[in-house]
Amino acid sequence: MKRALLFAAALMLIAIATAGAAWASPQGKTDAQVLGNIRIDPADPTVAYVTARYICNGGMTEQTHLWVSVKQTADRLPDRRLKEEESSAISAAWSQNHPTAQVNCDGQWHVDTFTVSHDEYGFGELEQRQAYVQFCLFGGDGTFVFSMRFAEIA
């Protein structure tokens, strides 16, 4: 009986010790998530707004870089081919941007809305339905993270 109680107590201590480590927020975390729907600018269908939540470290350095992209096929439905390299060849609309100046790599979570357009390069007009969204971030420490998914365009 004593052995069983000691064994149970030891298991409890191990569980408590490892649970604390699992709940702690790791130092140097880098992560990103595209949030919600994509919004088209009512005045210009080549412009859209992507909201994302991100965390990165290292401040603003030569390594800090953000690229945001929104692509659609002609039927404006999810198409797995949009996940492949050079998918612009099958795209009917593509708006993108490199809004690196908006990024704050201070080790804290941030939620921000980023504009994609044809200012740098793009073609076609975005329309309601589905689009493939890419949010690719290099933190100031060079750590790369991305969030890529199909999202509703509202």
Protein backbone atom coordinates (compact mmCIF):
# COMPACT_ATOMS: atom_id res chain seq x y z
CA MET A 1 0.00 0.00 0.00
CA LYS A 2 2.84 2.37 0.92
CA ARG A 3 4.57 1.66 -2.39
CA ALA A 4 1.38 2.40 -4.31
CA LEU A 5 0.95 5.74 -2.51
CA LEU A 6 4.61 6.68 -3.10
CA PHE A 7 4.30 5.71 -6.76
CA ALA A 8 1.10 7.76 -7.14
CA ALA A 9 2.73 10.74 -5.41
CA ALA A 10 5.76 10.49 -7.71
CA LEU A 11 3.49 10.41 -10.78
CA MET A 12 1.63 13.49 -9.52
CA LEU A 13 4.91 15.40 -9.04
CA ILE A 14 6.07 14.49 -12.54
CA ALA A 15 2.71 15.52 -14.01
CA ILE A 16 2.78 18.87 -12.19
CA ALA A 17 6.39 19.56 -13.22
CA THR A 18 5.80 18.79 -16.89
CA ALA A 19 2.47 20.65 -17.00
CA GLY A 20 4.21 23.84 -15.88
CA ALA A 21 6.69 23.53 -18.73
CA ALA A 22 3.91 22.91 -21.24
CA TRP A 23 1.97 26.02 -20.17
CA ALA A 24 4.97 28.37 -20.20
CA SER A 25 5.36 30.60 -23.25
CA PRO A 26 8.68 29.72 -24.90
CA GLN A 27 11.31 32.41 -25.35
CA GLY A 28 11.94 33.37 -28.96
CA LYS A 29 8.59 32.10 -30.27
CA THR A 30 7.78 32.87 -33.90
CA ASP A 31 4.29 32.16 -35.25
CA ALA A 32 1.64 33.57 -37.62
CA GLN A 33 -2.05 32.99 -38.36
CA VAL A 34 -4.26 34.56 -41.00
CA LEU A 35 -7.49 35.55 -39.25
CA GLY A 36 -11.03 35.68 -40.58
CA ASN A 37 -12.15 36.69 -44.05
CA ILE A 38 -10.31 38.76 -46.64
CA ARG A 39 -11.95 42.10 -47.42
CA ILE A 40 -11.98 43.68 -50.88
CA ASP A 41 -11.70 47.45 -51.10
CA PRO A 42 -15.12 48.60 -52.40
CA ALA A 43 -13.46 51.34 -54.47
CA ASP A 44 -10.82 49.07 -56.07
CA PRO A 45 -11.21 45.28 -56.51
CA THR A 46 -7.45 44.89 -57.02
CA VAL A 47 -6.96 45.90 -53.36
CA ALA A 48 -7.75 43.63 -50.42
CA TYR A 49 -7.10 43.55 -46.69
CA VAL A 50 -5.64 40.56 -44.85
CA THR A 51 -5.72 40.45 -41.05
CA ALA A 52 -3.14 38.29 -39.29
CA ARG A 53 -1.86 37.57 -35.81
CA TYR A 54 1.90 37.13 -35.50
CA ILE A 55 4.82 37.04 -33.09
CA CYS A 56 8.48 37.35 -34.05
CA ASN A 57 11.79 38.35 -32.49
CA GLY A 58 15.00 40.15 -33.31
CA GLY A 59 13.64 43.62 -34.11
CA MET A 60 13.93 45.24 -37.52
CA THR A 61 17.06 43.90 -39.21
CA GLU A 62 18.13 43.09 -42.75
CA GLN A 63 16.55 39.67 -42.17
CA THR A 64 13.07 41.02 -41.29
CA HIS A 65 10.72 40.52 -44.22
CA LEU A 66 6.98 40.04 -44.81
CA TRP A 67 5.16 38.96 -47.96
CA VAL A 68 1.36 38.77 -48.18
CA SER A 69 -0.44 37.35 -51.22
CA VAL A 70 -4.05 36.69 -52.29
CA LYS A 71 -4.73 34.56 -55.41
CA GLN A 72 -7.90 33.32 -57.09
CA THR A 73 -8.69 31.02 -59.98
CA ALA A 74 -11.32 31.96 -62.57
CA ASP A 75 -14.16 30.17 -60.74
CA ARG A 76 -13.10 31.77 -57.41
CA LEU A 77 -13.25 28.37 -55.66
CA PRO A 78 -10.50 26.60 -53.69
CA ASP A 79 -8.04 24.96 -56.07
CA ARG A 80 -5.16 22.90 -54.66
CA ARG A 81 -2.95 23.99 -57.56
CA LEU A 82 -2.79 27.47 -55.98
CA LYS A 83 -0.61 25.89 -53.27
CA GLU A 84 2.08 25.02 -55.81
CA GLU A 85 5.00 27.12 -57.01
CA GLU A 86 4.30 29.36 -59.99
CA SER A 87 0.55 29.06 -59.38
CA SER A 88 0.09 32.51 -60.85
CA ALA A 89 -0.08 30.72 -64.22
CA ILE A 90 -3.53 29.35 -63.28
CA SER A 91 -4.64 32.45 -61.37
CA ALA A 92 -7.27 34.85 -62.68
CA ALA A 93 -6.46 37.41 -59.98
CA TRP A 94 -3.41 38.02 -57.81
CA SER A 95 -2.71 40.89 -55.44
CA GLN A 96 0.34 40.95 -53.18
CA ASN A 97 2.62 43.21 -51.17
CA HIS A 98 5.76 43.26 -49.02
CA PRO A 99 4.57 45.38 -46.03
CA THR A 100 7.71 44.73 -43.97
CA ALA A 101 7.61 48.24 -42.43
CA GLN A 102 4.39 47.26 -40.58
CA VAL A 103 6.05 44.35 -38.78
CA ASN A 104 7.07 44.65 -35.12
CA CYS A 105 9.39 41.78 -34.11
CA ASP A 106 9.53 42.51 -30.38
CA GLY A 107 8.59 39.08 -29.02
CA GLN A 108 4.96 40.12 -28.40
CA TRP A 109 1.80 39.02 -30.19
CA HIS A 110 0.43 41.57 -32.68
CA VAL A 111 -2.77 41.68 -34.75
CA ASP A 112 -2.61 43.88 -37.82
CA THR A 113 -4.33 44.32 -41.17
CA PHE A 114 -2.14 44.31 -44.28
CA THR A 115 -3.02 45.69 -47.71
CA VAL A 116 -2.39 43.71 -50.89
CA SER A 117 -2.66 45.38 -54.28
CA HIS A 118 -1.08 45.62 -57.72
CA ASP A 119 1.36 48.34 -56.60
CA GLU A 120 4.34 45.97 -56.76
CA TYR A 121 2.89 43.37 -59.12
CA GLY A 122 -0.45 41.72 -59.72
CA PHE A 123 -3.26 41.17 -62.20
CA GLY A 124 -7.00 40.65 -62.39
CA GLU A 125 -9.73 41.78 -60.02
CA LEU A 126 -10.45 39.94 -56.80
CA GLU A 127 -14.03 38.77 -56.38
CA GLN A 128 -16.14 37.39 -53.57
CA ARG A 129 -15.92 33.63 -52.87
CA GLN A 130 -12.63 31.90 -52.00
CA ALA A 131 -8.96 32.85 -52.36
CA TYR A 132 -5.63 31.35 -51.39
CA VAL A 133 -3.90 33.59 -48.85
CA GLN A 134 -0.19 33.46 -48.07
CA PHE A 135 1.39 35.27 -45.09
CA CYS A 136 5.15 34.63 -45.03
CA LEU A 137 7.29 36.27 -42.33
CA PHE A 138 11.00 36.30 -41.55
CA GLY A 139 11.62 37.69 -38.07
CA GLY A 140 14.57 39.96 -37.31
CA ASP A 141 16.43 36.89 -36.06
CA GLY A 142 15.92 35.15 -39.43
CA THR A 143 13.30 32.67 -38.19
CA PHE A 144 10.74 31.90 -40.93
CA VAL A 145 7.04 31.31 -40.30
CA PHE A 146 4.01 31.24 -42.57
CA SER A 147 0.25 30.88 -42.60
CA MET A 148 -1.27 29.75 -45.90
CA ARG A 149 -4.91 28.81 -46.33
CA PHE A 150 -8.05 29.27 -48.35
CA ALA A 151 -10.20 32.07 -47.01
CA GLU A 152 -13.55 33.61 -47.83
CA ILE A 153 -13.46 36.97 -49.57
CA ALA A 154 -16.19 39.23 -48.29
